[in-house]
Amino acid sequence: MDDIEMIYNFKEHGLQCINNTRNMTIVLTLVATQLEFDYQTGNLITIFGYLPLFNAKKKNIDLPAVFIDTDFSIDMNDFDYCPGIAYEYCEWFPKSEKYLLKGGIPIVCFDRENKRILIGTKDQNDKSIKINKNIICGLDHDCNLKYLLISIDLIIE
């Protein structure tokens, strides 16, 4: 999946992804940010969409010391999916909401120097999965999504 390039555009307050692989996908939203999953496998492919950073906590975001190089998947057999409908991630996976949202708003940190965005809460006990060169997911001990760590290739001011 090295054919993905991640871009953050401050003019549009948006996360853009150039993904040269085209699979049939399902998109789950995290408020206005979109998580794109392969429809056949349930694997997370990429993240894109509206993600304003003006209220993001500014801090150094370190990469996890240890991570597994594998896929983060959702079980597509559990869903009655209708094409063209937007589904909220935390409605399908409510146990992740406490990690990803506070008052219905994504918990976001931004590290301009290292070009990283963290959505959710990250700590030392998380199981970290490297999806591709731009995305690392953190899971709790029950495999609920705790965070999305996004490495940006290009920042447009």
N, C-alpha and C. Protein backbone atom coordinates (compact mmCIF):
# COMPACT_ATOMS: atom_id res chain seq x y z
N MET A 1 0.82 -1.19 0.00
CA MET A 1 0.00 0.00 0.00
C MET A 1 0.87 1.25 0.00
N ASP A 2 2.07 1.19 -0.54
CA ASP A 2 2.94 2.36 -0.58
C ASP A 2 2.54 3.34 -1.67
N ASP A 3 1.45 3.07 -2.39
CA ASP A 3 1.00 3.97 -3.44
C ASP A 3 0.03 5.02 -2.91
N ILE A 4 -0.08 5.13 -1.60
CA ILE A 4 -0.94 6.13 -0.98
C ILE A 4 -0.09 7.32 -0.55
N GLU A 5 -0.60 8.52 -0.81
CA GLU A 5 0.06 9.73 -0.34
C GLU A 5 -0.96 10.53 0.47
N MET A 6 -0.55 10.99 1.64
CA MET A 6 -1.44 11.70 2.55
C MET A 6 -1.08 13.19 2.54
N ILE A 7 -2.10 14.04 2.37
CA ILE A 7 -1.91 15.49 2.27
C ILE A 7 -2.86 16.17 3.25
N TYR A 8 -2.38 17.19 3.99
CA TYR A 8 -3.26 18.02 4.80
C TYR A 8 -3.29 19.41 4.19
N ASN A 9 -4.49 19.93 3.94
CA ASN A 9 -4.66 21.24 3.31
C ASN A 9 -5.32 22.18 4.32
N PHE A 10 -4.55 23.17 4.82
CA PHE A 10 -5.07 24.12 5.80
C PHE A 10 -6.14 25.04 5.19
N LYS A 11 -6.08 25.31 3.90
CA LYS A 11 -7.08 26.17 3.27
C LYS A 11 -8.46 25.53 3.32
N GLU A 12 -8.51 24.22 3.15
CA GLU A 12 -9.78 23.49 3.15
C GLU A 12 -10.04 22.78 4.48
N HIS A 13 -9.06 22.83 5.40
CA HIS A 13 -9.14 22.10 6.67
C HIS A 13 -9.44 20.63 6.40
N GLY A 14 -8.75 20.08 5.42
CA GLY A 14 -9.07 18.72 5.02
C GLY A 14 -7.88 17.82 4.86
N LEU A 15 -8.14 16.57 5.13
CA LEU A 15 -7.17 15.50 4.94
C LEU A 15 -7.49 14.86 3.60
N GLN A 16 -6.52 14.84 2.71
CA GLN A 16 -6.72 14.28 1.38
C GLN A 16 -5.82 13.07 1.21
N CYS A 17 -6.31 12.12 0.47
CA CYS A 17 -5.54 10.91 0.23
C CYS A 17 -5.53 10.63 -1.25
N ILE A 18 -4.34 10.41 -1.78
CA ILE A 18 -4.22 9.96 -3.16
C ILE A 18 -4.01 8.46 -3.08
N ASN A 19 -5.02 7.71 -3.50
CA ASN A 19 -5.01 6.26 -3.41
C ASN A 19 -5.15 5.70 -4.81
N ASN A 20 -4.09 5.11 -5.31
CA ASN A 20 -4.10 4.61 -6.68
C ASN A 20 -4.73 3.24 -6.82
N THR A 21 -5.07 2.60 -5.72
CA THR A 21 -5.77 1.32 -5.79
C THR A 21 -7.25 1.60 -5.64
N ARG A 22 -8.04 1.06 -6.49
CA ARG A 22 -9.49 1.29 -6.45
C ARG A 22 -10.20 -0.02 -6.17
N ASN A 23 -10.68 -0.15 -4.96
CA ASN A 23 -11.44 -1.31 -4.54
C ASN A 23 -12.87 -0.85 -4.28
N MET A 24 -13.80 -1.79 -4.24
CA MET A 24 -15.14 -1.47 -3.78
C MET A 24 -15.04 -1.24 -2.28
N THR A 25 -15.53 -0.09 -1.80
CA THR A 25 -15.30 0.27 -0.41
C THR A 25 -16.59 0.65 0.31
N ILE A 26 -16.49 0.68 1.62
CA ILE A 26 -17.52 1.22 2.49
C ILE A 26 -16.83 2.31 3.31
N VAL A 27 -17.52 3.43 3.50
CA VAL A 27 -16.96 4.54 4.25
C VAL A 27 -17.76 4.72 5.54
N LEU A 28 -17.04 4.73 6.66
CA LEU A 28 -17.63 5.03 7.96
C LEU A 28 -17.08 6.38 8.40
N THR A 29 -17.93 7.24 8.92
CA THR A 29 -17.49 8.57 9.30
C THR A 29 -17.17 8.63 10.79
N LEU A 30 -16.23 9.49 11.09
CA LEU A 30 -15.92 9.86 12.47
C LEU A 30 -16.18 11.36 12.51
N VAL A 31 -17.42 11.73 12.74
CA VAL A 31 -17.98 13.06 12.58
C VAL A 31 -17.86 13.42 11.09
N ALA A 32 -16.88 14.21 10.66
CA ALA A 32 -16.76 14.56 9.24
C ALA A 32 -15.54 13.92 8.57
N THR A 33 -14.74 13.22 9.34
CA THR A 33 -13.59 12.52 8.79
C THR A 33 -14.05 11.13 8.38
N GLN A 34 -13.55 10.64 7.26
CA GLN A 34 -14.04 9.38 6.72
C GLN A 34 -12.98 8.30 6.76
N LEU A 35 -13.39 7.12 7.23
CA LEU A 35 -12.53 5.95 7.26
C LEU A 35 -13.02 5.02 6.15
N GLU A 36 -12.14 4.73 5.20
CA GLU A 36 -12.53 3.92 4.05
C GLU A 36 -12.03 2.49 4.23
N PHE A 37 -12.97 1.54 4.15
CA PHE A 37 -12.68 0.12 4.33
C PHE A 37 -12.95 -0.64 3.03
N ASP A 38 -12.13 -1.65 2.75
CA ASP A 38 -12.37 -2.54 1.63
C ASP A 38 -13.65 -3.34 1.92
N TYR A 39 -14.58 -3.34 0.99
CA TYR A 39 -15.87 -3.99 1.22
C TYR A 39 -15.74 -5.51 1.34
N GLN A 40 -14.84 -6.11 0.59
CA GLN A 40 -14.69 -7.57 0.61
C GLN A 40 -13.98 -8.07 1.86
N THR A 41 -12.91 -7.39 2.25
CA THR A 41 -12.08 -7.88 3.37
C THR A 41 -12.38 -7.19 4.69
N GLY A 42 -12.95 -5.98 4.64
CA GLY A 42 -13.17 -5.19 5.85
C GLY A 42 -11.93 -4.45 6.32
N ASN A 43 -10.83 -4.51 5.55
CA ASN A 43 -9.58 -3.86 5.94
C ASN A 43 -9.65 -2.35 5.75
N LEU A 44 -9.12 -1.61 6.74
CA LEU A 44 -9.01 -0.16 6.62
C LEU A 44 -8.03 0.16 5.50
N ILE A 45 -8.44 1.02 4.58
CA ILE A 45 -7.59 1.40 3.45
C ILE A 45 -6.97 2.77 3.71
N THR A 46 -7.81 3.75 4.05
CA THR A 46 -7.30 5.10 4.23
C THR A 46 -8.28 5.96 5.04
N ILE A 47 -7.87 7.18 5.30
CA ILE A 47 -8.64 8.17 6.04
C ILE A 47 -8.60 9.46 5.24
N PHE A 48 -9.74 10.15 5.14
CA PHE A 48 -9.77 11.43 4.43
C PHE A 48 -10.96 12.24 4.91
N GLY A 49 -11.03 13.50 4.50
CA GLY A 49 -12.19 14.33 4.79
C GLY A 49 -11.88 15.55 5.63
N TYR A 50 -12.93 16.21 6.05
CA TYR A 50 -12.85 17.45 6.81
C TYR A 50 -12.31 17.15 8.20
N LEU A 51 -11.21 17.80 8.56
CA LEU A 51 -10.58 17.61 9.86
C LEU A 51 -9.89 18.90 10.28
N PRO A 52 -10.65 19.87 10.79
CA PRO A 52 -10.03 21.14 11.18
C PRO A 52 -9.06 20.95 12.34
N LEU A 53 -7.93 21.65 12.26
CA LEU A 53 -6.89 21.51 13.28
C LEU A 53 -6.76 22.74 14.16
N PHE A 54 -7.60 23.77 13.97
CA PHE A 54 -7.42 24.99 14.76
C PHE A 54 -7.68 24.77 16.25
N ASN A 55 -8.46 23.78 16.64
CA ASN A 55 -8.67 23.48 18.05
C ASN A 55 -7.86 22.26 18.51
N ALA A 56 -7.05 21.73 17.62
CA ALA A 56 -6.25 20.55 17.97
C ALA A 56 -5.19 20.93 19.00
N LYS A 57 -4.97 20.03 19.92
CA LYS A 57 -3.90 20.23 20.90
C LYS A 57 -2.57 20.11 20.16
N LYS A 58 -1.70 21.10 20.34
CA LYS A 58 -0.39 21.08 19.69
C LYS A 58 0.59 20.37 20.61
N LYS A 59 1.15 19.27 20.15
CA LYS A 59 2.11 18.53 20.98
C LYS A 59 2.93 17.60 20.11
N ASN A 60 4.04 17.14 20.67
CA ASN A 60 4.88 16.16 19.99
C ASN A 60 4.15 14.81 20.00
N ILE A 61 4.02 14.21 18.84
CA ILE A 61 3.37 12.90 18.73
C ILE A 61 4.42 11.89 18.30
N ASP A 62 4.74 10.99 19.21
CA ASP A 62 5.74 9.95 18.93
C ASP A 62 5.08 8.75 18.28
N LEU A 63 5.84 8.10 17.41
CA LEU A 63 5.38 6.83 16.85
C LEU A 63 5.48 5.76 17.93
N PRO A 64 4.60 4.78 17.92
CA PRO A 64 4.71 3.70 18.91
C PRO A 64 6.04 2.98 18.76
N ALA A 65 6.61 2.56 19.88
CA ALA A 65 7.89 1.85 19.86
C ALA A 65 7.76 0.51 19.16
N VAL A 66 6.64 -0.16 19.36
CA VAL A 66 6.41 -1.48 18.76
C VAL A 66 5.05 -1.46 18.08
N PHE A 67 5.00 -1.97 16.87
CA PHE A 67 3.71 -2.10 16.20
C PHE A 67 3.72 -3.35 15.33
N ILE A 68 2.54 -3.82 15.03
CA ILE A 68 2.37 -5.00 14.19
C ILE A 68 2.08 -4.51 12.78
N ASP A 69 2.74 -5.07 11.80
CA ASP A 69 2.54 -4.70 10.40
C ASP A 69 1.48 -5.64 9.82
N THR A 70 0.22 -5.26 9.98
CA THR A 70 -0.90 -6.10 9.55
C THR A 70 -2.08 -5.21 9.19
N ASP A 71 -3.25 -5.78 9.06
CA ASP A 71 -4.44 -5.03 8.71
C ASP A 71 -5.31 -4.78 9.93
N PHE A 72 -6.01 -3.64 9.92
CA PHE A 72 -7.08 -3.39 10.89
C PHE A 72 -8.37 -3.63 10.13
N SER A 73 -9.15 -4.60 10.57
CA SER A 73 -10.35 -5.00 9.83
C SER A 73 -11.60 -4.90 10.69
N ILE A 74 -12.70 -4.66 10.01
CA ILE A 74 -14.01 -4.78 10.63
C ILE A 74 -14.69 -5.97 9.97
N ASP A 75 -15.57 -6.64 10.69
CA ASP A 75 -16.27 -7.80 10.16
C ASP A 75 -17.47 -7.34 9.35
N MET A 76 -17.37 -7.45 8.04
CA MET A 76 -18.43 -6.98 7.16
C MET A 76 -19.69 -7.83 7.25
N ASN A 77 -19.60 -9.03 7.80
CA ASN A 77 -20.77 -9.90 7.93
C ASN A 77 -21.76 -9.37 8.97
N ASP A 78 -21.30 -8.49 9.84
CA ASP A 78 -22.16 -7.96 10.90
C ASP A 78 -23.00 -6.76 10.46
N PHE A 79 -22.87 -6.34 9.20
CA PHE A 79 -23.51 -5.10 8.77
C PHE A 79 -24.51 -5.31 7.66
N ASP A 80 -25.59 -4.56 7.77
CA ASP A 80 -26.57 -4.47 6.71
C ASP A 80 -26.31 -3.12 6.05
N TYR A 81 -25.51 -3.12 5.01
CA TYR A 81 -24.99 -1.91 4.40
C TYR A 81 -25.75 -1.55 3.14
N CYS A 82 -26.15 -0.30 3.02
CA CYS A 82 -26.81 0.21 1.82
C CYS A 82 -25.87 1.21 1.15
N PRO A 83 -25.48 0.97 -0.11
CA PRO A 83 -24.59 1.90 -0.81
C PRO A 83 -25.17 3.32 -0.83
N GLY A 84 -24.28 4.30 -0.68
CA GLY A 84 -24.67 5.70 -0.73
C GLY A 84 -25.10 6.28 0.60
N ILE A 85 -25.17 5.45 1.64
CA ILE A 85 -25.56 5.91 2.97
C ILE A 85 -24.29 6.12 3.80
N ALA A 86 -24.23 7.24 4.52
CA ALA A 86 -23.09 7.50 5.41
C ALA A 86 -23.40 6.88 6.77
N TYR A 87 -22.48 6.10 7.28
CA TYR A 87 -22.63 5.46 8.58
C TYR A 87 -21.58 6.00 9.53
N GLU A 88 -21.97 6.26 10.75
CA GLU A 88 -21.06 6.78 11.77
C GLU A 88 -20.33 5.61 12.43
N TYR A 89 -19.00 5.68 12.46
CA TYR A 89 -18.17 4.61 13.02
C TYR A 89 -18.58 4.27 14.45
N CYS A 90 -18.76 5.28 15.28
CA CYS A 90 -19.04 5.04 16.70
C CYS A 90 -20.46 4.52 16.95
N GLU A 91 -21.35 4.63 15.97
CA GLU A 91 -22.66 3.99 16.11
C GLU A 91 -22.53 2.49 15.90
N TRP A 92 -21.65 2.08 15.00
CA TRP A 92 -21.43 0.65 14.75
C TRP A 92 -20.49 0.05 15.78
N PHE A 93 -19.58 0.87 16.30
CA PHE A 93 -18.59 0.40 17.28
C PHE A 93 -18.61 1.35 18.49
N PRO A 94 -19.66 1.29 19.31
CA PRO A 94 -19.82 2.27 20.40
C PRO A 94 -18.73 2.22 21.47
N LYS A 95 -18.04 1.11 21.62
CA LYS A 95 -16.99 1.03 22.65
C LYS A 95 -15.78 1.89 22.30
N SER A 96 -15.65 2.29 21.04
CA SER A 96 -14.53 3.15 20.63
C SER A 96 -14.81 4.63 20.88
N GLU A 97 -16.06 4.99 21.07
CA GLU A 97 -16.42 6.40 21.20
C GLU A 97 -15.69 7.10 22.34
N LYS A 98 -15.55 6.44 23.49
CA LYS A 98 -14.89 7.07 24.64
C LYS A 98 -13.42 7.39 24.36
N TYR A 99 -12.81 6.70 23.42
CA TYR A 99 -11.41 6.96 23.06
C TYR A 99 -11.27 8.01 21.96
N LEU A 100 -12.26 8.07 21.06
CA LEU A 100 -12.13 8.89 19.86
C LEU A 100 -12.83 10.25 19.93
N LEU A 101 -13.88 10.34 20.73
CA LEU A 101 -14.69 11.57 20.77
C LEU A 101 -14.83 12.08 22.19
N LYS A 102 -14.94 13.40 22.31
CA LYS A 102 -15.26 14.04 23.59
C LYS A 102 -16.36 15.05 23.30
N GLY A 103 -17.54 14.81 23.86
CA GLY A 103 -18.67 15.69 23.59
C GLY A 103 -19.08 15.68 22.14
N GLY A 104 -18.93 14.55 21.46
CA GLY A 104 -19.30 14.43 20.06
C GLY A 104 -18.29 15.00 19.08
N ILE A 105 -17.16 15.48 19.58
CA ILE A 105 -16.12 16.08 18.74
C ILE A 105 -14.87 15.20 18.81
N PRO A 106 -14.22 14.95 17.66
CA PRO A 106 -13.01 14.12 17.70
C PRO A 106 -11.92 14.73 18.59
N ILE A 107 -11.25 13.87 19.32
CA ILE A 107 -10.09 14.27 20.13
C ILE A 107 -8.90 14.29 19.16
N VAL A 108 -8.36 15.49 18.91
CA VAL A 108 -7.32 15.64 17.88
C VAL A 108 -6.10 16.35 18.45
N CYS A 109 -4.92 15.82 18.13
CA CYS A 109 -3.64 16.47 18.42
C CYS A 109 -2.88 16.63 17.11
N PHE A 110 -2.06 17.68 17.04
CA PHE A 110 -1.31 17.96 15.81
C PHE A 110 0.14 18.24 16.15
N ASP A 111 1.03 17.60 15.43
CA ASP A 111 2.47 17.78 15.56
C ASP A 111 2.99 18.29 14.22
N ARG A 112 3.10 19.63 14.10
CA ARG A 112 3.52 20.22 12.83
C ARG A 112 4.94 19.82 12.45
N GLU A 113 5.84 19.81 13.43
CA GLU A 113 7.25 19.51 13.15
C GLU A 113 7.43 18.12 12.54
N ASN A 114 6.75 17.13 13.09
CA ASN A 114 6.87 15.76 12.59
C ASN A 114 5.79 15.40 11.57
N LYS A 115 4.91 16.35 11.26
CA LYS A 115 3.81 16.17 10.31
C LYS A 115 2.95 14.96 10.68
N ARG A 116 2.39 15.02 11.90
CA ARG A 116 1.54 13.93 12.39
C ARG A 116 0.26 14.48 13.00
N ILE A 117 -0.82 13.74 12.79
CA ILE A 117 -2.12 14.03 13.40
C ILE A 117 -2.53 12.79 14.19
N LEU A 118 -3.00 13.01 15.40
CA LEU A 118 -3.50 11.93 16.24
C LEU A 118 -4.98 12.17 16.51
N ILE A 119 -5.80 11.22 16.13
CA ILE A 119 -7.23 11.26 16.45
C ILE A 119 -7.47 10.19 17.50
N GLY A 120 -7.94 10.59 18.67
CA GLY A 120 -8.20 9.64 19.74
C GLY A 120 -7.18 9.75 20.85
N THR A 121 -7.14 8.73 21.70
CA THR A 121 -6.26 8.72 22.86
C THR A 121 -5.27 7.58 22.76
N LYS A 122 -4.02 7.89 23.04
CA LYS A 122 -2.92 6.93 22.86
C LYS A 122 -2.17 6.80 24.18
N ASP A 123 -1.88 5.56 24.57
CA ASP A 123 -1.02 5.34 25.73
C ASP A 123 -0.13 4.12 25.50
N GLN A 124 0.69 3.82 26.48
CA GLN A 124 1.73 2.78 26.34
C GLN A 124 1.16 1.37 26.20
N ASN A 125 -0.04 1.12 26.68
CA ASN A 125 -0.59 -0.24 26.68
C ASN A 125 -1.36 -0.60 25.42
N ASP A 126 -1.41 0.31 24.47
CA ASP A 126 -2.17 0.05 23.25
C ASP A 126 -1.46 -0.95 22.35
N LYS A 127 -2.25 -1.74 21.65
CA LYS A 127 -1.73 -2.60 20.59
C LYS A 127 -1.74 -1.73 19.34
N SER A 128 -0.60 -1.55 18.71
CA SER A 128 -0.49 -0.65 17.55
C SER A 128 -0.33 -1.46 16.28
N ILE A 129 -1.09 -1.09 15.26
CA ILE A 129 -1.07 -1.78 13.97
C ILE A 129 -0.71 -0.77 12.89
N LYS A 130 0.32 -1.09 12.12
CA LYS A 130 0.71 -0.23 11.00
C LYS A 130 -0.08 -0.66 9.77
N ILE A 131 -0.97 0.22 9.31
CA ILE A 131 -1.81 -0.05 8.15
C ILE A 131 -1.03 0.16 6.87
N ASN A 132 -0.32 1.27 6.79
CA ASN A 132 0.54 1.61 5.66
C ASN A 132 1.52 2.67 6.16
N LYS A 133 2.28 3.27 5.27
CA LYS A 133 3.29 4.23 5.70
C LYS A 133 2.69 5.48 6.34
N ASN A 134 1.40 5.70 6.15
CA ASN A 134 0.75 6.91 6.66
C ASN A 134 -0.17 6.69 7.86
N ILE A 135 -0.58 5.47 8.13
CA ILE A 135 -1.61 5.24 9.15
C ILE A 135 -1.20 4.14 10.12
N ILE A 136 -1.28 4.47 11.41
CA ILE A 136 -1.12 3.49 12.48
C ILE A 136 -2.38 3.56 13.33
N CYS A 137 -2.96 2.41 13.63
CA CYS A 137 -4.14 2.32 14.49
C CYS A 137 -3.72 1.81 15.85
N GLY A 138 -4.36 2.30 16.88
CA GLY A 138 -4.14 1.80 18.23
C GLY A 138 -5.41 1.14 18.74
N LEU A 139 -5.26 -0.02 19.36
CA LEU A 139 -6.40 -0.79 19.87
C LEU A 139 -6.24 -1.02 21.36
N ASP A 140 -7.37 -1.10 22.06
CA ASP A 140 -7.31 -1.46 23.47
C ASP A 140 -7.21 -2.98 23.60
N HIS A 141 -7.23 -3.49 24.83
CA HIS A 141 -7.06 -4.93 25.05
C HIS A 141 -8.21 -5.75 24.49
N ASP A 142 -9.36 -5.13 24.20
CA ASP A 142 -10.50 -5.82 23.58
C ASP A 142 -10.58 -5.57 22.08
N CYS A 143 -9.53 -5.00 21.51
CA CYS A 143 -9.43 -4.70 20.07
C CYS A 143 -10.41 -3.63 19.60
N ASN A 144 -10.80 -2.71 20.49
CA ASN A 144 -11.58 -1.54 20.10
C ASN A 144 -10.61 -0.46 19.64
N LEU A 145 -10.98 0.25 18.58
CA LEU A 145 -10.13 1.32 18.04
C LEU A 145 -10.01 2.44 19.07
N LYS A 146 -8.75 2.79 19.43
CA LYS A 146 -8.48 3.87 20.38
C LYS A 146 -7.97 5.12 19.69
N TYR A 147 -7.15 4.92 18.67
CA TYR A 147 -6.59 6.09 18.00
C TYR A 147 -6.22 5.77 16.56
N LEU A 148 -6.10 6.85 15.79
CA LEU A 148 -5.58 6.82 14.43
C LEU A 148 -4.43 7.81 14.39
N LEU A 149 -3.25 7.35 14.10
CA LEU A 149 -2.08 8.21 13.99
C LEU A 149 -1.78 8.34 12.50
N ILE A 150 -1.86 9.56 12.00
CA ILE A 150 -1.73 9.82 10.57
C ILE A 150 -0.45 10.60 10.33
N SER A 151 0.42 10.05 9.49
CA SER A 151 1.64 10.75 9.07
C SER A 151 1.36 11.43 7.75
N ILE A 152 1.64 12.72 7.70
CA ILE A 152 1.35 13.55 6.53
C ILE A 152 2.58 13.63 5.63
N ASP A 153 2.38 13.42 4.34
CA ASP A 153 3.48 13.57 3.38
C ASP A 153 3.68 15.02 2.97
N LEU A 154 2.59 15.78 2.88
CA LEU A 154 2.65 17.16 2.40
C LEU A 154 1.63 18.00 3.15
N ILE A 155 2.06 19.17 3.62
CA ILE A 155 1.16 20.13 4.25
C ILE A 155 1.05 21.34 3.33
N ILE A 156 -0.17 21.70 2.98
CA ILE A 156 -0.44 22.87 2.15
C ILE A 156 -0.97 23.97 3.05
N GLU A 157 -0.26 25.10 3.08
CA GLU A 157 -0.66 26.23 3.95
C GLU A 157 -1.69 27.10 3.26
